[in-house]
Amino acid sequence: MATEEPTDLIGVLLALLRGGVPDRYLTPEDLVTMFSLPSVETVYQWRRKRIGPPGFRVGRYLRFKSFADGQKRLAEQ
């Protein structure tokens, strides 16, 4: 039973962290879902060809700004 608690705790912490990310930054998987793309490889191909939404690296992970951020900036101008 002691081994189940850390696993549950880790799962809860990961869910909390992942739950906060889409509001701020999108993952390649989020883009696949949003645009009904065939696979995550499409997003990586876009990045290599420098087409599609601009992304940035956070360590080894690729992230994209959410479209809500862009809409907020346009509304402020």
Protein backbone atom coordinates (compact mmCIF):
# COMPACT_ATOMS: atom_id res chain seq x y z
CA MET A 1 0.00 0.00 0.00
CA ALA A 2 2.90 2.36 0.64
CA THR A 3 3.92 2.05 -3.02
CA GLU A 4 0.48 3.17 -4.21
CA GLU A 5 0.54 6.51 -2.40
CA PRO A 6 3.59 8.00 -4.20
CA THR A 7 2.22 6.84 -7.54
CA ASP A 8 -1.10 8.50 -6.79
CA LEU A 9 0.65 11.62 -5.54
CA ILE A 10 2.82 11.79 -8.66
CA GLY A 11 -0.24 11.25 -10.85
CA VAL A 12 -2.12 14.02 -9.07
CA LEU A 13 0.83 16.42 -9.35
CA LEU A 14 1.29 15.64 -13.05
CA ALA A 15 -2.42 16.15 -13.67
CA LEU A 16 -2.27 19.52 -11.90
CA LEU A 17 0.78 20.61 -13.86
CA ARG A 18 -0.62 19.41 -17.19
CA GLY A 19 -3.97 20.94 -16.36
CA GLY A 20 -2.41 24.41 -16.09
CA VAL A 21 -0.30 24.27 -19.23
CA PRO A 22 -2.91 24.44 -22.05
CA ASP A 23 -4.19 27.78 -20.75
CA ARG A 24 -0.76 29.23 -21.33
CA TYR A 25 1.16 27.05 -23.81
CA LEU A 26 0.12 24.35 -26.26
CA THR A 27 1.87 21.05 -26.92
CA PRO A 28 2.20 19.48 -30.37
CA GLU A 29 -0.48 17.00 -29.30
CA ASP A 30 -2.82 19.91 -28.53
CA LEU A 31 -2.33 21.24 -32.08
CA VAL A 32 -3.08 17.80 -33.54
CA THR A 33 -6.35 17.74 -31.61
CA MET A 34 -7.29 21.35 -32.41
CA PHE A 35 -6.65 21.11 -36.15
CA SER A 36 -7.49 17.40 -36.68
CA LEU A 37 -4.02 16.73 -38.06
CA PRO A 38 -2.98 13.20 -39.08
CA SER A 39 -0.14 12.97 -36.53
CA VAL A 40 2.31 14.88 -34.36
CA GLU A 41 4.89 14.41 -37.12
CA THR A 42 2.93 16.97 -39.17
CA VAL A 43 3.62 19.60 -36.50
CA TYR A 44 7.33 18.74 -36.51
CA GLN A 45 7.42 18.94 -40.32
CA TRP A 46 5.80 22.38 -40.17
CA ARG A 47 8.49 23.47 -37.74
CA ARG A 48 11.32 22.15 -39.96
CA LYS A 49 9.83 23.91 -42.99
CA ARG A 50 9.19 27.08 -40.94
CA ILE A 51 5.47 27.08 -41.68
CA GLY A 52 2.60 26.87 -39.23
CA PRO A 53 2.44 28.46 -35.79
CA PRO A 54 5.75 29.63 -34.31
CA GLY A 55 6.93 27.44 -31.47
CA PHE A 56 9.71 27.47 -28.92
CA ARG A 57 11.63 24.95 -26.85
CA VAL A 58 11.34 24.54 -23.11
CA GLY A 59 14.24 22.22 -22.43
CA ARG A 60 13.61 19.28 -24.73
CA TYR A 61 9.90 20.00 -25.11
CA LEU A 62 8.27 21.95 -27.93
CA ARG A 63 5.57 24.44 -26.95
CA PHE A 64 3.37 26.94 -28.77
CA LYS A 65 1.68 30.09 -27.55
CA SER A 66 -2.04 29.74 -27.27
CA PHE A 67 -4.23 31.63 -29.70
CA ALA A 68 -5.92 33.37 -26.77
CA ASP A 69 -2.64 35.20 -26.05
CA GLY A 70 -2.54 36.50 -29.61
CA GLN A 71 -6.16 37.58 -29.47
CA LYS A 72 -5.54 39.45 -26.20
CA ARG A 73 -2.61 41.31 -27.75
CA LEU A 74 -4.68 42.32 -30.78
CA ALA A 75 -7.50 43.52 -28.53
CA GLU A 76 -5.08 45.66 -26.51
CA GLN A 77 -3.76 47.50 -29.58
